């Protein structure tokens, strides 16, 4: 479960950034998690309380939005959700695809004081 390391690193980075800006509280963190990122949102949510325990982010809420894994088939040009189609083109059954979205983990918003 690599989500533990990811969320711990994310909390440390946010904490450092917020302190450098002179803020004292982070109320909410909003993340975009891509379906193709290899990150399981449910695991991130479960790790959050432990990662923020005894930090000034302990009362911070975590919100996540899942970004669909949209791909383009390199053989026929079809655009589709890779996860929804079992990672193969619904038209030609090819597995040769270009990822267009849903491969990232992005901090979308920090609500601070």
PDB file of N, CA and C in Angstrom:
ATOM      1  N   UNK A   1       0.855  -1.175   0.000  1.00  0.00           N
ATOM      2  CA  UNK A   1       0.000   0.000   0.000  1.00  0.00           C
ATOM      3  C   UNK A   1       0.900   1.238   0.000  1.00  0.00           C
ATOM      4  N   UNK A   2       1.283   1.702  -1.174  1.00  0.00           N
ATOM      5  CA  UNK A   2       2.155   2.860  -1.308  1.00  0.00           C
ATOM      6  C   UNK A   2       1.445   4.177  -0.990  1.00  0.00           C
ATOM      7  N   UNK A   3       0.141   4.131  -0.805  1.00  0.00           N
ATOM      8  CA  UNK A   3      -0.615   5.334  -0.476  1.00  0.00           C
ATOM      9  C   UNK A   3      -0.151   5.950   0.849  1.00  0.00           C
ATOM     10  N   UNK A   4       0.328   5.117   1.778  1.00  0.00           N
ATOM     11  CA  UNK A   4       0.821   5.632   3.065  1.00  0.00           C
ATOM     12  C   UNK A   4       1.980   6.596   2.822  1.00  0.00           C
ATOM     13  N   UNK A   5       2.935   6.188   2.009  1.00  0.00           N
ATOM     14  CA  UNK A   5       4.081   7.046   1.706  1.00  0.00           C
ATOM     15  C   UNK A   5       3.683   8.286   0.938  1.00  0.00           C
ATOM     16  N   UNK A   6       2.769   8.134   0.007  1.00  0.00           N
ATOM     17  CA  UNK A   6       2.320   9.272  -0.799  1.00  0.00           C
ATOM     18  C   UNK A   6       1.631  10.308   0.082  1.00  0.00           C
ATOM     19  N   UNK A   7       0.708   9.873   0.922  1.00  0.00           N
ATOM     20  CA  UNK A   7      -0.047  10.817   1.744  1.00  0.00           C
ATOM     21  C   UNK A   7       0.846  11.452   2.811  1.00  0.00           C
ATOM     22  N   UNK A   8       1.773  10.685   3.370  1.00  0.00           N
ATOM     23  CA  UNK A   8       2.708  11.245   4.361  1.00  0.00           C
ATOM     24  C   UNK A   8       3.583  12.321   3.737  1.00  0.00           C
ATOM     25  N   UNK A   9       4.087  12.055   2.552  1.00  0.00           N
ATOM     26  CA  UNK A   9       4.912  13.032   1.839  1.00  0.00           C
ATOM     27  C   UNK A   9       4.096  14.270   1.473  1.00  0.00           C
ATOM     28  N   UNK A  10       2.878  14.063   1.053  1.00  0.00           N
ATOM     29  CA  UNK A  10       1.992  15.165   0.694  1.00  0.00           C
ATOM     30  C   UNK A  10       1.723  16.065   1.903  1.00  0.00           C
ATOM     31  N   UNK A  11       1.457  15.460   3.054  1.00  0.00           N
ATOM     32  CA  UNK A  11       1.186  16.230   4.276  1.00  0.00           C
ATOM     33  C   UNK A  11       2.413  17.046   4.658  1.00  0.00           C
ATOM     34  N   UNK A  12       3.602  16.455   4.592  1.00  0.00           N
ATOM     35  CA  UNK A  12       4.832  17.182   4.934  1.00  0.00           C
ATOM     36  C   UNK A  12       5.064  18.349   3.982  1.00  0.00           C
ATOM     37  N   UNK A  13       4.819  18.138   2.712  1.00  0.00           N
ATOM     38  CA  UNK A  13       5.008  19.197   1.717  1.00  0.00           C
ATOM     39  C   UNK A  13       4.027  20.338   1.939  1.00  0.00           C
ATOM     40  N   UNK A  14       2.762  20.010   2.163  1.00  0.00           N
ATOM     41  CA  UNK A  14       1.744  21.038   2.410  1.00  0.00           C
ATOM     42  C   UNK A  14       2.067  21.794   3.694  1.00  0.00           C
ATOM     43  N   UNK A  15       2.440  21.060   4.730  1.00  0.00           N
ATOM     44  CA  UNK A  15       2.753  21.672   6.017  1.00  0.00           C
ATOM     45  C   UNK A  15       3.901  22.678   5.877  1.00  0.00           C
ATOM     46  N   UNK A  16       4.953  22.297   5.165  1.00  0.00           N
ATOM     47  CA  UNK A  16       6.098  23.185   4.964  1.00  0.00           C
ATOM     48  C   UNK A  16       5.688  24.426   4.166  1.00  0.00           C
ATOM     49  N   UNK A  17       4.933  24.223   3.115  1.00  0.00           N
ATOM     50  CA  UNK A  17       4.497  25.321   2.269  1.00  0.00           C
ATOM     51  C   UNK A  17       3.618  26.305   3.039  1.00  0.00           C
ATOM     52  N   UNK A  18       2.691  25.792   3.817  1.00  0.00           N
ATOM     53  CA  UNK A  18       1.778  26.641   4.582  1.00  0.00           C
ATOM     54  C   UNK A  18       2.525  27.423   5.653  1.00  0.00           C
ATOM     55  N   UNK A  19       3.473  26.791   6.317  1.00  0.00           N
ATOM     56  CA  UNK A  19       4.257  27.483   7.342  1.00  0.00           C
ATOM     57  C   UNK A  19       5.101  28.595   6.721  1.00  0.00           C
ATOM     58  N   UNK A  20       5.664  28.347   5.534  1.00  0.00           N
ATOM     59  CA  UNK A  20       6.449  29.365   4.844  1.00  0.00           C
ATOM     60  C   UNK A  20       5.595  30.574   4.471  1.00  0.00           C
ATOM     61  N   UNK A  21       4.307  30.345   4.244  1.00  0.00           N
ATOM     62  CA  UNK A  21       3.395  31.430   3.892  1.00  0.00           C
ATOM     63  C   UNK A  21       2.812  32.134   5.120  1.00  0.00           C
ATOM     64  N   UNK A  22       3.165  31.655   6.322  1.00  0.00           N
ATOM     65  CA  UNK A  22       2.694  32.276   7.547  1.00  0.00           C
ATOM     66  C   UNK A  22       1.284  31.889   7.950  1.00  0.00           C
ATOM     67  N   UNK A  23       0.754  30.846   7.352  1.00  0.00           N
ATOM     68  CA  UNK A  23      -0.584  30.367   7.706  1.00  0.00           C
ATOM     69  C   UNK A  23      -0.477  29.477   8.947  1.00  0.00           C
ATOM     70  N   UNK A  24      -1.578  29.345   9.649  1.00  0.00           N
ATOM     71  CA  UNK A  24      -1.566  28.530  10.865  1.00  0.00           C
ATOM     72  C   UNK A  24      -2.517  27.355  10.819  1.00  0.00           C
ATOM     73  N   UNK A  25      -3.384  27.323   9.809  1.00  0.00           N
ATOM     74  CA  UNK A  25      -4.386  26.261   9.777  1.00  0.00           C
ATOM     75  C   UNK A  25      -4.760  25.911   8.338  1.00  0.00           C
ATOM     76  N   UNK A  26      -4.891  24.618   8.085  1.00  0.00           N
ATOM     77  CA  UNK A  26      -5.400  24.140   6.806  1.00  0.00           C
ATOM     78  C   UNK A  26      -6.737  23.486   7.109  1.00  0.00           C
ATOM     79  N   UNK A  27      -7.796  24.036   6.552  1.00  0.00           N
ATOM     80  CA  UNK A  27      -9.127  23.514   6.840  1.00  0.00           C
ATOM     81  C   UNK A  27      -9.508  22.360   5.922  1.00  0.00           C
ATOM     82  N   UNK A  28      -9.070  22.460   4.648  1.00  0.00           N
ATOM     83  CA  UNK A  28      -9.478  21.440   3.684  1.00  0.00           C
ATOM     84  C   UNK A  28      -8.413  21.298   2.602  1.00  0.00           C
ATOM     85  N   UNK A  29      -8.199  20.046   2.197  1.00  0.00           N
ATOM     86  CA  UNK A  29      -7.321  19.727   1.070  1.00  0.00           C
ATOM     87  C   UNK A  29      -8.176  18.988   0.047  1.00  0.00           C
ATOM     88  N   UNK A  30      -8.146  19.458  -1.200  1.00  0.00           N
ATOM     89  CA  UNK A  30      -8.890  18.812  -2.276  1.00  0.00           C
ATOM     90  C   UNK A  30      -7.885  18.239  -3.271  1.00  0.00           C
ATOM     91  N   UNK A  31      -7.990  16.942  -3.516  1.00  0.00           N
ATOM     92  CA  UNK A  31      -7.094  16.260  -4.445  1.00  0.00           C
ATOM     93  C   UNK A  31      -7.860  15.744  -5.653  1.00  0.00           C
ATOM     94  N   UNK A  32      -7.187  15.753  -6.789  1.00  0.00           N
ATOM     95  CA  UNK A  32      -7.691  15.060  -7.977  1.00  0.00           C
ATOM     96  C   UNK A  32      -6.841  13.803  -8.120  1.00  0.00           C
ATOM     97  N   UNK A  33      -7.503  12.648  -8.132  1.00  0.00           N
ATOM     98  CA  UNK A  33      -6.811  11.373  -8.247  1.00  0.00           C
ATOM     99  C   UNK A  33      -7.256  10.699  -9.541  1.00  0.00           C
ATOM    100  N   UNK A  34      -6.312  10.471 -10.428  1.00  0.00           N
ATOM    101  CA  UNK A  34      -6.625   9.838 -11.701  1.00  0.00           C
ATOM    102  C   UNK A  34      -6.863   8.349 -11.566  1.00  0.00           C
ATOM    103  N   UNK A  35      -7.834   7.860 -12.322  1.00  0.00           N
ATOM    104  CA  UNK A  35      -8.127   6.412 -12.319  1.00  0.00           C
ATOM    105  C   UNK A  35      -6.918   5.579 -12.735  1.00  0.00           C
ATOM    106  N   UNK A  36      -6.055   6.154 -13.550  1.00  0.00           N
ATOM    107  CA  UNK A  36      -4.896   5.421 -14.061  1.00  0.00           C
ATOM    108  C   UNK A  36      -3.607   5.743 -13.298  1.00  0.00           C
ATOM    109  N   UNK A  37      -3.725   6.445 -12.178  1.00  0.00           N
ATOM    110  CA  UNK A  37      -2.548   6.871 -11.408  1.00  0.00           C
ATOM    111  C   UNK A  37      -1.944   5.750 -10.572  1.00  0.00           C
ATOM    112  N   UNK A  38      -2.681   4.686 -10.367  1.00  0.00           N
ATOM    113  CA  UNK A  38      -2.200   3.611  -9.502  1.00  0.00           C
ATOM    114  C   UNK A  38      -2.473   3.872  -8.030  1.00  0.00           C
ATOM    115  N   UNK A  39      -3.192   4.938  -7.739  1.00  0.00           N
ATOM    116  CA  UNK A  39      -3.521   5.306  -6.362  1.00  0.00           C
ATOM    117  C   UNK A  39      -4.971   4.930  -6.081  1.00  0.00           C
ATOM    118  N   UNK A  40      -5.195   4.301  -4.944  1.00  0.00           N
ATOM    119  CA  UNK A  40      -6.540   3.901  -4.543  1.00  0.00           C
ATOM    120  C   UNK A  40      -7.086   4.955  -3.578  1.00  0.00           C
ATOM    121  N   UNK A  41      -8.086   5.740  -4.017  1.00  0.00           N
ATOM    122  CA  UNK A  41      -8.607   6.815  -3.168  1.00  0.00           C
ATOM    123  C   UNK A  41      -9.043   6.358  -1.781  1.00  0.00           C
ATOM    124  N   UNK A  42      -9.645   5.214  -1.675  1.00  0.00           N
ATOM    125  CA  UNK A  42     -10.109   4.720  -0.369  1.00  0.00           C
ATOM    126  C   UNK A  42      -8.935   4.516   0.592  1.00  0.00           C
ATOM    127  N   UNK A  43      -7.802   4.056   0.081  1.00  0.00           N
ATOM    128  CA  UNK A  43      -6.614   3.884   0.918  1.00  0.00           C
ATOM    129  C   UNK A  43      -6.070   5.235   1.365  1.00  0.00           C
ATOM    130  N   UNK A  44      -6.122   6.222   0.466  1.00  0.00           N
ATOM    131  CA  UNK A  44      -5.673   7.566   0.822  1.00  0.00           C
ATOM    132  C   UNK A  44      -6.520   8.109   1.970  1.00  0.00           C
ATOM    133  N   UNK A  45      -7.822   7.925   1.877  1.00  0.00           N
ATOM    134  CA  UNK A  45      -8.726   8.402   2.928  1.00  0.00           C
ATOM    135  C   UNK A  45      -8.432   7.715   4.259  1.00  0.00           C
ATOM    136  N   UNK A  46      -8.142   6.425   4.219  1.00  0.00           N
ATOM    137  CA  UNK A  46      -7.852   5.688   5.453  1.00  0.00           C
ATOM    138  C   UNK A  46      -6.524   6.112   6.075  1.00  0.00           C
ATOM    139  N   UNK A  47      -5.555   6.505   5.251  1.00  0.00           N
ATOM    140  CA  UNK A  47      -4.240   6.927   5.734  1.00  0.00           C
ATOM    141  C   UNK A  47      -4.242   8.354   6.281  1.00  0.00           C
ATOM    142  N   UNK A  48      -5.172   9.167   5.824  1.00  0.00           N
ATOM    143  CA  UNK A  48      -5.189  10.590   6.162  1.00  0.00           C
ATOM    144  C   UNK A  48      -5.125  10.872   7.667  1.00  0.00           C
ATOM    145  N   UNK A  49      -5.973  10.260   8.513  1.00  0.00           N
ATOM    146  CA  UNK A  49      -5.911  10.569   9.950  1.00  0.00           C
ATOM    147  C   UNK A  49      -4.544  10.265  10.572  1.00  0.00           C
ATOM    148  N   UNK A  50      -3.924   9.169  10.190  1.00  0.00           N
ATOM    149  CA  UNK A  50      -2.612   8.820  10.740  1.00  0.00           C
ATOM    150  C   UNK A  50      -1.536   9.787  10.255  1.00  0.00           C
ATOM    151  N   UNK A  51      -1.617  10.190   8.985  1.00  0.00           N
ATOM    152  CA  UNK A  51      -0.608  11.088   8.418  1.00  0.00           C
ATOM    153  C   UNK A  51      -0.692  12.494   8.999  1.00  0.00           C
ATOM    154  N   UNK A  52      -1.872  12.909   9.433  1.00  0.00           N
ATOM    155  CA  UNK A  52      -2.039  14.268   9.963  1.00  0.00           C
ATOM    156  C   UNK A  52      -2.040  14.311  11.492  1.00  0.00           C
ATOM    157  N   UNK A  53      -1.971  13.168  12.137  1.00  0.00           N
ATOM    158  CA  UNK A  53      -1.998  13.073  13.596  1.00  0.00           C
ATOM    159  C   UNK A  53      -0.832  13.861  14.192  1.00  0.00           C
ATOM    160  N   UNK A  54      -1.122  14.701  15.157  1.00  0.00           N
ATOM    161  CA  UNK A  54      -0.140  15.548  15.849  1.00  0.00           C
ATOM    162  C   UNK A  54       0.561  16.538  14.914  1.00  0.00           C
ATOM    163  N   UNK A  55      -0.118  16.954  13.869  1.00  0.00           N
ATOM    164  CA  UNK A  55       0.369  18.045  13.032  1.00  0.00           C
ATOM    165  C   UNK A  55      -0.673  19.146  13.097  1.00  0.00           C
ATOM    166  N   UNK A  56      -0.344  20.323  12.586  1.00  0.00           N
ATOM    167  CA  UNK A  56      -1.357  21.377  12.594  1.00  0.00           C
ATOM    168  C   UNK A  56      -2.441  21.114  11.555  1.00  0.00           C
ATOM    169  N   UNK A  57      -2.321  20.010  10.829  1.00  0.00           N
ATOM    170  CA  UNK A  57      -3.349  19.615   9.855  1.00  0.00           C
ATOM    171  C   UNK A  57      -4.267  18.529  10.409  1.00  0.00           C
ATOM    172  N   UNK A  58      -4.163  18.270  11.691  1.00  0.00           N
ATOM    173  CA  UNK A  58      -4.923  17.174  12.307  1.00  0.00           C
ATOM    174  C   UNK A  58      -6.439  17.301  12.102  1.00  0.00           C
ATOM    175  N   UNK A  59      -6.953  18.504  12.061  1.00  0.00           N
ATOM    176  CA  UNK A  59      -8.394  18.706  11.886  1.00  0.00           C
ATOM    177  C   UNK A  59      -8.774  19.016  10.437  1.00  0.00           C
ATOM    178  N   UNK A  60      -7.828  18.888   9.541  1.00  0.00           N
ATOM    179  CA  UNK A  60      -8.059  19.174   8.127  1.00  0.00           C
ATOM    180  C   UNK A  60      -8.878  18.059   7.486  1.00  0.00           C
ATOM    181  N   UNK A  61      -9.840  18.447   6.674  1.00  0.00           N
ATOM    182  CA  UNK A  61     -10.617  17.447   5.948  1.00  0.00           C
ATOM    183  C   UNK A  61      -9.987  17.209   4.579  1.00  0.00           C
ATOM    184  N   UNK A  62     -10.106  15.990   4.123  1.00  0.00           N
ATOM    185  CA  UNK A  62      -9.592  15.593   2.822  1.00  0.00           C
ATOM    186  C   UNK A  62     -10.767  15.313   1.904  1.00  0.00           C
ATOM    187  N   UNK A  63     -10.721  15.920   0.724  1.00  0.00           N
ATOM    188  CA  UNK A  63     -11.750  15.689  -0.286  1.00  0.00           C
ATOM    189  C   UNK A  63     -11.038  15.239  -1.558  1.00  0.00           C
ATOM    190  N   UNK A  64     -11.576  14.222  -2.194  1.00  0.00           N
ATOM    191  CA  UNK A  64     -10.944  13.720  -3.413  1.00  0.00           C
ATOM    192  C   UNK A  64     -11.948  13.625  -4.547  1.00  0.00           C
ATOM    193  N   UNK A  65     -11.476  13.981  -5.720  1.00  0.00           N
ATOM    194  CA  UNK A  65     -12.260  13.840  -6.949  1.00  0.00           C
ATOM    195  C   UNK A  65     -11.511  12.873  -7.852  1.00  0.00           C
ATOM    196  N   UNK A  66     -12.197  11.862  -8.328  1.00  0.00           N
ATOM    197  CA  UNK A  66     -11.579  10.891  -9.225  1.00  0.00           C
ATOM    198  C   UNK A  66     -11.725  11.393 -10.665  1.00  0.00           C
ATOM    199  N   UNK A  67     -10.583  11.442 -11.363  1.00  0.00           N
ATOM    200  CA  UNK A  67     -10.554  11.890 -12.755  1.00  0.00           C
ATOM    201  C   UNK A  67     -10.566  10.641 -13.639  1.00  0.00           C
ATOM    202  N   UNK A  68     -11.522  10.556 -14.556  1.00  0.00           N
ATOM    203  CA  UNK A  68     -11.604   9.375 -15.424  1.00  0.00           C
ATOM    204  C   UNK A  68     -10.336   9.172 -16.250  1.00  0.00           C
ATOM    205  N   UNK A  69      -9.989   7.918 -16.452  1.00  0.00           N
ATOM    206  CA  UNK A  69      -8.828   7.555 -17.266  1.00  0.00           C
ATOM    207  C   UNK A  69      -9.210   7.511 -18.738  1.00  0.00           C
ATOM    208  N   UNK A  70      -9.147   8.658 -19.392  1.00  0.00           N
ATOM    209  CA  UNK A  70      -9.525   8.744 -20.804  1.00  0.00           C
ATOM    210  C   UNK A  70      -8.291   8.497 -21.671  1.00  0.00           C
ATOM    211  N   UNK A  71      -8.465   7.622 -22.647  1.00  0.00           N
ATOM    212  CA  UNK A  71      -7.371   7.249 -23.540  1.00  0.00           C
ATOM    213  C   UNK A  71      -7.822   7.326 -24.993  1.00  0.00           C
ATOM    214  N   UNK A  72      -6.829   7.312 -25.881  1.00  0.00           N
ATOM    215  CA  UNK A  72      -7.104   7.284 -27.317  1.00  0.00           C
ATOM    216  C   UNK A  72      -6.431   6.045 -27.891  1.00  0.00           C
ATOM    217  N   UNK A  73      -7.203   5.249 -28.599  1.00  0.00           N
ATOM    218  CA  UNK A  73      -6.661   4.045 -29.239  1.00  0.00           C
ATOM    219  C   UNK A  73      -5.713   4.467 -30.356  1.00  0.00           C
ATOM    220  N   UNK A  74      -4.513   3.928 -30.335  1.00  0.00           N
ATOM    221  CA  UNK A  74      -3.532   4.275 -31.364  1.00  0.00           C
ATOM    222  C   UNK A  74      -3.806   3.559 -32.686  1.00  0.00           C
ATOM    223  N   UNK A  75      -4.658   2.553 -32.645  1.00  0.00           N
ATOM    224  CA  UNK A  75      -4.956   1.812 -33.877  1.00  0.00           C
ATOM    225  C   UNK A  75      -6.147   2.395 -34.641  1.00  0.00           C
ATOM    226  N   UNK A  76      -7.229   2.722 -33.927  1.00  0.00           N
ATOM    227  CA  UNK A  76      -8.426   3.211 -34.641  1.00  0.00           C
ATOM    228  C   UNK A  76      -8.821   4.637 -34.277  1.00  0.00           C
ATOM    229  N   UNK A  77      -8.173   5.227 -33.245  1.00  0.00           N
ATOM    230  CA  UNK A  77      -8.464   6.605 -32.877  1.00  0.00           C
ATOM    231  C   UNK A  77      -9.616   6.806 -31.922  1.00  0.00           C
ATOM    232  N   UNK A  78     -10.245   5.741 -31.466  1.00  0.00           N
ATOM    233  CA  UNK A  78     -11.385   5.833 -30.545  1.00  0.00           C
ATOM    234  C   UNK A  78     -10.948   6.420 -29.193  1.00  0.00           C
ATOM    235  N   UNK A  79     -11.770   7.333 -28.649  1.00  0.00           N
ATOM    236  CA  UNK A  79     -11.576   7.864 -27.300  1.00  0.00           C
ATOM    237  C   UNK A  79     -12.498   7.106 -26.359  1.00  0.00           C
ATOM    238  N   UNK A  80     -11.957   6.652 -25.203  1.00  0.00           N
ATOM    239  CA  UNK A  80     -12.786   5.888 -24.272  1.00  0.00           C
ATOM    240  C   UNK A  80     -12.180   5.892 -22.872  1.00  0.00           C
ATOM    241  N   UNK A  81     -12.990   5.486 -21.897  1.00  0.00           N
ATOM    242  CA  UNK A  81     -12.531   5.324 -20.518  1.00  0.00           C
ATOM    243  C   UNK A  81     -11.865   3.958 -20.419  1.00  0.00           C
ATOM    244  N   UNK A  82     -10.566   3.948 -20.175  1.00  0.00           N
ATOM    245  CA  UNK A  82      -9.799   2.707 -20.159  1.00  0.00           C
ATOM    246  C   UNK A  82     -10.262   1.737 -19.064  1.00  0.00           C
ATOM    247  N   UNK A  83     -10.559   2.262 -17.896  1.00  0.00           N
ATOM    248  CA  UNK A  83     -10.988   1.403 -16.786  1.00  0.00           C
ATOM    249  C   UNK A  83     -12.352   0.792 -17.092  1.00  0.00           C
ATOM    250  N   UNK A  84     -13.250   1.603 -17.633  1.00  0.00           N
ATOM    251  CA  UNK A  84     -14.594   1.133 -17.960  1.00  0.00           C
ATOM    252  C   UNK A  84     -14.622   0.109 -19.083  1.00  0.00           C
ATOM    253  N   UNK A  85     -13.554   0.058 -19.862  1.00  0.00           N
ATOM    254  CA  UNK A  85     -13.490  -0.879 -20.993  1.00  0.00           C
ATOM    255  C   UNK A  85     -12.417  -1.949 -20.799  1.00  0.00           C
ATOM    256  N   UNK A  86     -12.060  -2.216 -19.537  1.00  0.00           N
ATOM    257  CA  UNK A  86     -11.063  -3.243 -19.209  1.00  0.00           C
ATOM    258  C   UNK A  86      -9.738  -3.055 -19.944  1.00  0.00           C
ATOM    259  N   UNK A  87      -9.353  -1.809 -20.126  1.00  0.00           N
ATOM    260  CA  UNK A  87      -8.057  -1.441 -20.706  1.00  0.00           C
ATOM    261  C   UNK A  87      -7.862  -1.900 -22.147  1.00  0.00           C
ATOM    262  N   UNK A  88      -8.963  -2.029 -22.882  1.00  0.00           N
ATOM    263  CA  UNK A  88      -8.826  -2.323 -24.312  1.00  0.00           C
ATOM    264  C   UNK A  88      -9.905  -1.575 -25.081  1.00  0.00           C
ATOM    265  N   UNK A  89      -9.600  -1.249 -26.308  1.00  0.00           N
ATOM    266  CA  UNK A  89     -10.495  -0.458 -27.143  1.00  0.00           C
ATOM    267  C   UNK A  89     -11.818  -1.191 -27.368  1.00  0.00           C
ATOM    268  N   UNK A  90     -12.935  -0.506 -27.141  1.00  0.00           N
ATOM    269  CA  UNK A  90     -14.231  -1.149 -27.350  1.00  0.00           C
ATOM    270  C   UNK A  90     -14.564  -1.356 -28.839  1.00  0.00           C
ATOM    271  N   UNK A  91     -13.831  -0.680 -29.714  1.00  0.00           N
ATOM    272  CA  UNK A  91     -14.085  -0.801 -31.151  1.00  0.00           C
ATOM    273  C   UNK A  91     -13.240  -1.909 -31.786  1.00  0.00           C
ATOM    274  N   UNK A  92     -11.908  -1.825 -31.591  1.00  0.00           N
ATOM    275  CA  UNK A  92     -11.010  -2.768 -32.283  1.00  0.00           C
ATOM    276  C   UNK A  92     -10.302  -3.745 -31.344  1.00  0.00           C
ATOM    277  N   UNK A  93     -10.534  -3.619 -30.030  1.00  0.00           N
ATOM    278  CA  UNK A  93      -9.963  -4.492 -28.995  1.00  0.00           C
ATOM    279  C   UNK A  93      -8.452  -4.313 -28.789  1.00  0.00           C
ATOM    280  N   UNK A  94      -7.875  -3.279 -29.367  1.00  0.00           N
ATOM    281  CA  UNK A  94      -6.452  -2.998 -29.201  1.00  0.00           C
ATOM    282  C   UNK A  94      -6.152  -2.573 -27.765  1.00  0.00           C
ATOM    283  N   UNK A  95      -4.949  -2.863 -27.316  1.00  0.00           N
ATOM    284  CA  UNK A  95      -4.493  -2.401 -26.008  1.00  0.00           C
ATOM    285  C   UNK A  95      -3.411  -1.319 -26.162  1.00  0.00           C
ATOM    286  N   UNK A  96      -3.181  -0.881 -27.384  1.00  0.00           N
ATOM    287  CA  UNK A  96      -2.205   0.166 -27.670  1.00  0.00           C
ATOM    288  C   UNK A  96      -2.923   1.515 -27.584  1.00  0.00           C
ATOM    289  N   UNK A  97      -2.678   2.245 -26.491  1.00  0.00           N
ATOM    290  CA  UNK A  97      -3.420   3.481 -26.275  1.00  0.00           C
ATOM    291  C   UNK A  97      -2.534   4.582 -25.731  1.00  0.00           C
ATOM    292  N   UNK A  98      -2.976   5.810 -25.963  1.00  0.00           N
ATOM    293  CA  UNK A  98      -2.315   7.008 -25.448  1.00  0.00           C
ATOM    294  C   UNK A  98      -3.187   7.570 -24.330  1.00  0.00           C
ATOM    295  N   UNK A  99      -2.587   7.801 -23.173  1.00  0.00           N
ATOM    296  CA  UNK A  99      -3.335   8.354 -22.036  1.00  0.00           C
ATOM    297  C   UNK A  99      -3.540   9.851 -22.248  1.00  0.00           C
ATOM    298  N   UNK A 100      -4.792  10.293 -22.164  1.00  0.00           N
ATOM    299  CA  UNK A 100      -5.127  11.709 -22.307  1.00  0.00           C
ATOM    300  C   UNK A 100      -5.422  12.371 -20.964  1.00  0.00           C
ATOM    301  N   UNK A 101      -5.991  11.624 -20.023  1.00  0.00           N
ATOM    302  CA  UNK A 101      -6.269  12.165 -18.690  1.00  0.00           C
ATOM    303  C   UNK A 101      -6.428  11.028 -17.694  1.00  0.00           C
ATOM    304  N   UNK A 102      -6.305  11.387 -16.417  1.00  0.00           N
ATOM    305  CA  UNK A 102      -6.526  10.412 -15.359  1.00  0.00           C
ATOM    306  C   UNK A 102      -5.294   9.662 -14.919  1.00  0.00           C
ATOM    307  N   UNK A 103      -4.116  10.255 -15.145  1.00  0.00           N
ATOM    308  CA  UNK A 103      -2.866   9.592 -14.775  1.00  0.00           C
ATOM    309  C   UNK A 103      -2.133  10.350 -13.669  1.00  0.00           C
ATOM    310  N   UNK A 104      -2.775  11.320 -13.047  1.00  0.00           N
ATOM    311  CA  UNK A 104      -2.097  12.223 -12.119  1.00  0.00           C
ATOM    312  C   UNK A 104      -2.691  12.199 -10.713  1.00  0.00           C
ATOM    313  N   UNK A 105      -1.911  12.752  -9.793  1.00  0.00           N
ATOM    314  CA  UNK A 105      -2.385  13.128  -8.463  1.00  0.00           C
ATOM    315  C   UNK A 105      -2.093  14.607  -8.353  1.00  0.00           C
ATOM    316  N   UNK A 106      -3.140  15.423  -8.213  1.00  0.00           N
ATOM    317  CA  UNK A 106      -2.991  16.872  -8.217  1.00  0.00           C
ATOM    318  C   UNK A 106      -3.650  17.466  -6.981  1.00  0.00           C
ATOM    319  N   UNK A 107      -2.936  18.371  -6.317  1.00  0.00           N
ATOM    320  CA  UNK A 107      -3.550  19.150  -5.236  1.00  0.00           C
ATOM    321  C   UNK A 107      -4.347  20.246  -5.929  1.00  0.00           C
ATOM    322  N   UNK A 108      -5.657  20.114  -5.897  1.00  0.00           N
ATOM    323  CA  UNK A 108      -6.535  21.042  -6.603  1.00  0.00           C
ATOM    324  C   UNK A 108      -6.788  22.302  -5.783  1.00  0.00           C
ATOM    325  N   UNK A 109      -6.908  22.137  -4.453  1.00  0.00           N
ATOM    326  CA  UNK A 109      -7.253  23.290  -3.611  1.00  0.00           C
ATOM    327  C   UNK A 109      -6.774  23.076  -2.194  1.00  0.00           C
ATOM    328  N   UNK A 110      -6.314  24.163  -1.570  1.00  0.00           N
ATOM    329  CA  UNK A 110      -6.000  24.201  -0.140  1.00  0.00           C
ATOM    330  C   UNK A 110      -6.812  25.347   0.447  1.00  0.00           C
ATOM    331  N   UNK A 111      -7.625  25.046   1.431  1.00  0.00           N
ATOM    332  CA  UNK A 111      -8.369  26.102   2.118  1.00  0.00           C
ATOM    333  C   UNK A 111      -7.640  26.362   3.437  1.00  0.00           C
ATOM    334  N   UNK A 112      -7.057  27.545   3.554  1.00  0.00           N
ATOM    335  CA  UNK A 112      -6.177  27.857   4.698  1.00  0.00           C
ATOM    336  C   UNK A 112      -6.608  29.117   5.422  1.00  0.00           C
ATOM    337  N   UNK A 113      -6.013  29.271   6.597  1.00  0.00           N
ATOM    338  CA  UNK A 113      -6.145  30.502   7.390  1.00  0.00           C
ATOM    339  C   UNK A 113      -4.794  30.936   7.862  1.00  0.00           C
TER     340      UNK A 113
END
